[in-house]
Amino acid sequence: MQTGNILLRDLDPDGILRLTLNDAARRNPLSEAMLDALATAFDTAGSDTSVRVIVLAANGPVFSAGHDLKEMTAGRAGPDRGRAYFSKVMAMCSGVMQAIVACPKPVIAEVDGIATAAGCQLVASCDLAIASDTARFSTPGVHIGLFCSTPMVALSRNVSNKHAMEMLLTGDMVPAARAEAFGLVNRVVAPEALRDTTMEIAAKIASKSQLTLATGKRAFYAQREMPLAQAYDYASQVMVDNMMARDAEEGIGAFIEKRSPKWQDA
């Protein structure tokens, strides 16, 4: 199955949805069409009970080169020199990144190749990221006079300030091993093991209660933006509400009785 031609969709029996960027000839840019396809895919998957985990992958040697600069340049033809068009595209891109965070399903980036600018932002926006040892990452806007300000939002929420600023100020390529040390990716494996490793992690997550995963993901991103005392108050209430769920009752009972839980996702 596929969404158009540039974003492929495949749902396996375990509820793992693979979304694959499929514009390899153009380095999988986040064009208007790609952003629109991604927005639709995450919106649909978020409410689809058959989807338990989402894996975001890409065909070709480049995961994503970021915004389509030819498309952006063409936007300068307007009487405002492109301001309205640039605002529209940035809003679309920011919407997709926020949709990944807001999606109740865990999202795992599977990166084999280069992820630059908004492509690096896409990786940073996912909940987890698994990379091949040949993958590389960068925010190279400074090379062309355009600071990677929107990629900075996701990047700075994944890595330390100094590591983020190093990437943003130099625009240098960061190899996968260093990206793992930074905290940008969770795990680095050989290219031939990338898909199996990602799917193994996805299957492990997919075996959990959907309600529990959605509760935890929402709470993680919400509390991160709060002062410490407010975060504890909020998280305590989340725990109380979670304890009232059928799946928490079932899970605790199964643990005590030494049996496998039977999730109702409720």
Protein backbone atom coordinates (compact mmCIF):
# COMPACT_ATOMS: atom_id res chain seq x y z
CA MET A 1 0.00 0.00 0.00
CA GLN A 2 1.17 3.57 -0.48
CA THR A 3 0.16 7.16 0.10
CA GLY A 4 0.69 8.67 -3.33
CA ASN A 5 4.08 7.70 -4.75
CA ILE A 6 6.40 9.50 -2.36
CA LEU A 7 5.32 7.94 0.95
CA LEU A 8 4.87 4.17 1.15
CA ARG A 9 2.68 2.59 3.82
CA ASP A 10 2.93 -0.99 5.08
CA LEU A 11 1.16 -2.37 8.17
CA ASP A 12 2.30 -5.76 9.49
CA PRO A 13 0.25 -8.25 11.57
CA ASP A 14 1.84 -7.00 14.81
CA GLY A 15 0.46 -3.51 14.25
CA ILE A 16 3.78 -1.99 13.16
CA LEU A 17 3.20 0.62 10.48
CA ARG A 18 6.18 1.38 8.24
CA LEU A 19 6.08 4.76 6.56
CA THR A 20 8.84 5.00 3.95
CA LEU A 21 9.96 8.22 2.30
CA ASN A 22 10.09 7.29 -1.37
CA ASP A 23 11.48 10.23 -3.32
CA ALA A 24 15.04 8.92 -3.41
CA ALA A 25 15.91 10.47 -6.77
CA ARG A 26 15.47 13.91 -5.18
CA ARG A 27 17.05 12.91 -1.83
CA ASN A 28 13.67 12.55 -0.09
CA PRO A 29 13.13 16.29 0.39
CA LEU A 30 10.43 17.60 2.70
CA SER A 31 8.59 19.12 -0.24
CA GLU A 32 5.03 20.39 0.05
CA ALA A 33 3.80 17.03 -1.26
CA MET A 34 5.90 15.05 1.22
CA LEU A 35 4.87 17.22 4.15
CA ASP A 36 1.22 16.87 3.16
CA ALA A 37 1.59 13.08 2.86
CA LEU A 38 3.31 12.82 6.24
CA ALA A 39 0.69 14.99 7.94
CA THR A 40 -2.10 12.82 6.57
CA ALA A 41 -0.29 9.59 7.47
CA PHE A 42 0.34 10.56 11.11
CA ASP A 43 -3.17 11.91 11.55
CA THR A 44 -4.67 8.70 10.17
CA ALA A 45 -2.34 6.39 12.12
CA GLY A 46 -2.99 8.22 15.36
CA SER A 47 -6.65 7.21 15.37
CA ASP A 48 -6.23 3.77 13.75
CA THR A 49 -6.56 1.11 16.47
CA SER A 50 -4.81 -1.44 14.24
CA VAL A 51 -1.60 0.65 14.38
CA ARG A 52 0.45 0.15 17.54
CA VAL A 53 3.88 1.52 16.57
CA ILE A 54 5.10 3.62 13.63
CA VAL A 55 8.50 3.19 11.96
CA LEU A 56 9.65 6.05 9.73
CA ALA A 57 12.20 4.90 7.16
CA ALA A 58 13.44 6.04 3.75
CA ASN A 59 14.46 4.55 0.42
CA GLY A 60 17.79 5.51 -1.13
CA PRO A 61 21.14 6.71 0.26
CA VAL A 62 19.63 9.85 1.84
CA PHE A 63 17.08 9.63 4.64
CA SER A 64 16.04 13.22 3.93
CA ALA A 65 17.94 16.29 2.75
CA GLY A 66 15.41 18.61 4.36
CA HIS A 67 13.40 21.31 2.61
CA ASP A 68 13.20 21.29 -1.18
CA LEU A 69 15.41 24.32 -1.92
CA LYS A 70 14.36 24.45 -5.59
CA GLU A 71 10.74 24.62 -4.49
CA MET A 72 11.62 27.28 -1.93
CA THR A 73 13.56 29.32 -4.48
CA ALA A 74 10.62 29.23 -6.90
CA GLY A 75 8.52 30.70 -4.11
CA ARG A 76 10.54 33.93 -4.31
CA ALA A 77 8.73 34.82 -7.53
CA GLY A 78 5.85 36.43 -5.62
CA PRO A 79 5.57 40.19 -5.08
CA ASP A 80 6.54 39.73 -1.41
CA ARG A 81 9.73 37.90 -2.48
CA GLY A 82 8.32 34.70 -1.04
CA ARG A 83 7.51 35.69 2.55
CA ALA A 84 3.96 34.29 2.46
CA TYR A 85 5.11 31.10 0.74
CA PHE A 86 7.99 30.55 3.16
CA SER A 87 5.63 31.10 6.09
CA LYS A 88 3.24 28.50 4.66
CA VAL A 89 5.96 25.87 4.19
CA MET A 90 7.47 26.45 7.65
CA ALA A 91 4.02 26.11 9.19
CA MET A 92 3.46 22.85 7.31
CA CYS A 93 6.83 21.49 8.44
CA SER A 94 6.35 22.55 12.06
CA GLY A 95 2.91 20.95 11.97
CA VAL A 96 4.35 17.60 10.89
CA MET A 97 7.04 17.67 13.59
CA GLN A 98 4.44 18.46 16.24
CA ALA A 99 2.13 15.78 14.84
CA ILE A 100 4.85 13.18 15.48
CA VAL A 101 5.16 14.29 19.10
CA ALA A 102 1.37 14.51 19.53
CA CYS A 103 0.71 11.15 17.86
CA PRO A 104 -0.40 8.66 20.58
CA LYS A 105 1.59 5.90 18.88
CA PRO A 106 5.36 5.61 19.49
CA VAL A 107 7.35 6.69 16.41
CA ILE A 108 10.77 5.20 15.61
CA ALA A 109 13.08 6.70 12.97
CA GLU A 110 15.06 4.08 11.03
CA VAL A 111 17.97 5.99 9.50
CA ASP A 112 20.28 4.58 6.86
CA GLY A 113 22.11 7.36 5.07
CA ILE A 114 22.24 11.12 5.45
CA ALA A 115 19.73 13.22 7.42
CA THR A 116 20.33 16.94 7.04
CA ALA A 117 18.56 20.17 8.04
CA ALA A 118 14.82 19.46 8.32
CA GLY A 119 15.67 15.81 7.65
CA CYS A 120 17.72 15.82 10.85
CA GLN A 121 14.81 17.62 12.51
CA LEU A 122 12.54 14.77 11.41
CA VAL A 123 14.81 12.23 13.15
CA ALA A 124 15.03 14.37 16.29
CA SER A 125 11.24 14.71 16.42
CA CYS A 126 10.70 10.94 16.58
CA ASP A 127 10.44 9.22 19.97
CA LEU A 128 13.30 6.82 19.18
CA ALA A 129 15.91 6.61 16.43
CA ILE A 130 17.94 3.62 15.24
CA ALA A 131 20.73 4.32 12.76
CA SER A 132 23.12 2.35 10.62
CA ASP A 133 26.81 2.93 11.29
CA THR A 134 27.07 4.69 7.93
CA ALA A 135 24.37 7.25 8.73
CA ARG A 136 25.34 10.89 9.16
CA PHE A 137 23.53 13.93 10.48
CA SER A 138 23.91 17.68 10.12
CA THR A 139 22.19 21.06 10.31
CA PRO A 140 24.13 22.73 7.48
CA GLY A 141 22.09 25.88 6.97
CA VAL A 142 25.00 28.11 7.97
CA HIS A 143 26.80 27.03 4.78
CA ILE A 144 24.12 28.75 2.66
CA GLY A 145 23.31 31.72 4.88
CA LEU A 146 20.20 30.17 6.41
CA PHE A 147 20.46 29.20 10.10
CA CYS A 148 18.62 25.94 10.84
CA SER A 149 16.26 27.62 13.30
CA THR A 150 13.33 25.21 13.07
CA PRO A 151 15.55 22.08 13.16
CA MET A 152 17.11 23.70 16.23
CA VAL A 153 13.83 23.28 18.14
CA ALA A 154 13.83 19.49 17.89
CA LEU A 155 17.62 19.17 18.07
CA SER A 156 17.92 21.22 21.27
CA ARG A 157 15.31 19.01 22.92
CA ASN A 158 17.36 15.89 22.19
CA VAL A 159 20.98 16.80 22.85
CA SER A 160 22.92 19.08 25.19
CA ASN A 161 23.14 22.79 24.44
CA LYS A 162 26.80 22.66 23.46
CA HIS A 163 26.37 19.68 21.16
CA ALA A 164 23.35 21.31 19.53
CA MET A 165 25.19 24.60 19.08
CA GLU A 166 28.21 22.84 17.63
CA MET A 167 26.04 21.23 14.97
CA LEU A 168 24.14 24.45 14.27
CA LEU A 169 27.16 26.78 14.17
CA THR A 170 29.54 24.59 12.16
CA GLY A 171 27.11 22.70 9.93
CA ASP A 172 29.52 19.76 10.09
CA MET A 173 28.42 16.20 9.40
CA VAL A 174 28.12 14.10 12.55
CA PRO A 175 28.78 10.37 12.12
CA ALA A 176 26.31 7.90 13.61
CA ALA A 177 28.55 6.88 16.52
CA ARG A 178 28.92 10.50 17.64
CA ALA A 179 25.19 11.09 17.15
CA GLU A 180 24.59 8.19 19.54
CA ALA A 181 26.99 9.72 22.06
CA PHE A 182 25.14 13.06 21.67
CA GLY A 183 21.80 11.34 22.35
CA LEU A 184 20.38 12.07 18.91
CA VAL A 185 19.97 8.35 18.19
CA ASN A 186 19.37 5.42 20.54
CA ARG A 187 21.37 2.72 18.85
CA VAL A 188 23.83 2.27 15.97
CA VAL A 189 24.04 -1.03 14.09
CA ALA A 190 25.46 -2.42 10.87
CA PRO A 191 23.39 -1.49 7.79
CA GLU A 192 22.39 -5.11 7.21
CA ALA A 193 21.02 -5.31 10.76
CA LEU A 194 19.18 -1.99 10.74
CA ARG A 195 15.70 -3.12 9.71
CA ASP A 196 15.70 -6.23 11.90
CA THR A 197 16.91 -4.27 14.93
CA THR A 198 14.32 -1.54 14.42
CA MET A 199 11.50 -4.03 13.91
CA GLU A 200 12.57 -6.03 16.97
CA ILE A 201 12.34 -2.91 19.13
CA ALA A 202 9.07 -1.93 17.47
CA ALA A 203 7.59 -5.39 18.13
CA LYS A 204 8.62 -5.22 21.79
CA ILE A 205 6.85 -1.87 22.16
CA ALA A 206 3.83 -3.05 20.13
CA SER A 207 3.28 -5.88 22.64
CA LYS A 208 2.44 -3.35 25.38
CA SER A 209 -0.93 -1.80 26.18
CA GLN A 210 -1.79 0.94 23.67
CA LEU A 211 -3.50 2.93 26.41
CA THR A 212 -0.40 2.78 28.60
CA LEU A 213 1.92 3.81 25.78
CA ALA A 214 -0.30 6.73 24.75
CA THR A 215 -0.61 7.86 28.37
CA GLY A 216 3.14 7.72 28.90
CA LYS A 217 4.10 9.43 25.66
CA ARG A 218 1.69 12.30 26.23
CA ALA A 219 2.86 12.73 29.82
CA PHE A 220 6.56 12.60 28.91
CA TYR A 221 6.36 15.54 26.50
CA ALA A 222 3.96 17.52 28.69
CA GLN A 223 5.98 17.31 31.93
CA ARG A 224 9.23 18.14 30.16
CA GLU A 225 8.07 21.72 29.63
CA MET A 226 6.96 22.22 33.27
CA PRO A 227 8.81 23.44 36.38
CA LEU A 228 9.81 20.58 38.70
CA ALA A 229 7.01 20.86 41.27
CA GLN A 230 4.35 21.27 38.59
CA ALA A 231 5.77 18.29 36.71
CA TYR A 232 5.50 16.08 39.79
CA ASP A 233 1.94 17.23 40.48
CA TYR A 234 0.98 16.53 36.88
CA ALA A 235 2.76 13.16 36.73
CA SER A 236 1.21 12.07 40.03
CA GLN A 237 -2.26 12.72 38.65
CA VAL A 238 -1.36 10.83 35.47
CA MET A 239 -0.27 7.88 37.61
CA VAL A 240 -3.54 7.94 39.55
CA ASP A 241 -5.59 8.04 36.34
CA ASN A 242 -3.43 5.29 34.85
CA MET A 243 -3.95 3.10 37.93
CA MET A 244 -7.71 3.32 37.35
CA ALA A 245 -7.37 1.88 33.84
CA ARG A 246 -8.35 -1.74 33.19
CA ASP A 247 -4.96 -2.47 31.65
CA ALA A 248 -3.11 -1.36 34.79
CA GLU A 249 -5.34 -3.57 36.90
CA GLU A 250 -4.79 -6.47 34.50
CA GLY A 251 -1.04 -5.89 34.23
CA ILE A 252 -0.48 -5.74 37.98
CA GLY A 253 -2.69 -8.78 38.49
CA ALA A 254 -0.80 -10.72 35.82
CA PHE A 255 2.53 -9.81 37.42
CA ILE A 256 1.37 -11.01 40.83
CA GLU A 257 -0.11 -14.19 39.35
CA LYS A 258 3.00 -14.80 37.21
CA ARG A 259 1.15 -14.93 33.89
CA SER A 260 1.12 -12.92 30.67
CA PRO A 261 -1.27 -9.93 30.67
CA LYS A 262 -4.21 -9.75 28.27
CA TRP A 263 -4.49 -6.13 27.22
CA GLN A 264 -7.81 -4.49 26.46
CA ASP A 265 -6.14 -1.19 25.50
CA ALA A 266 -8.52 0.47 27.92
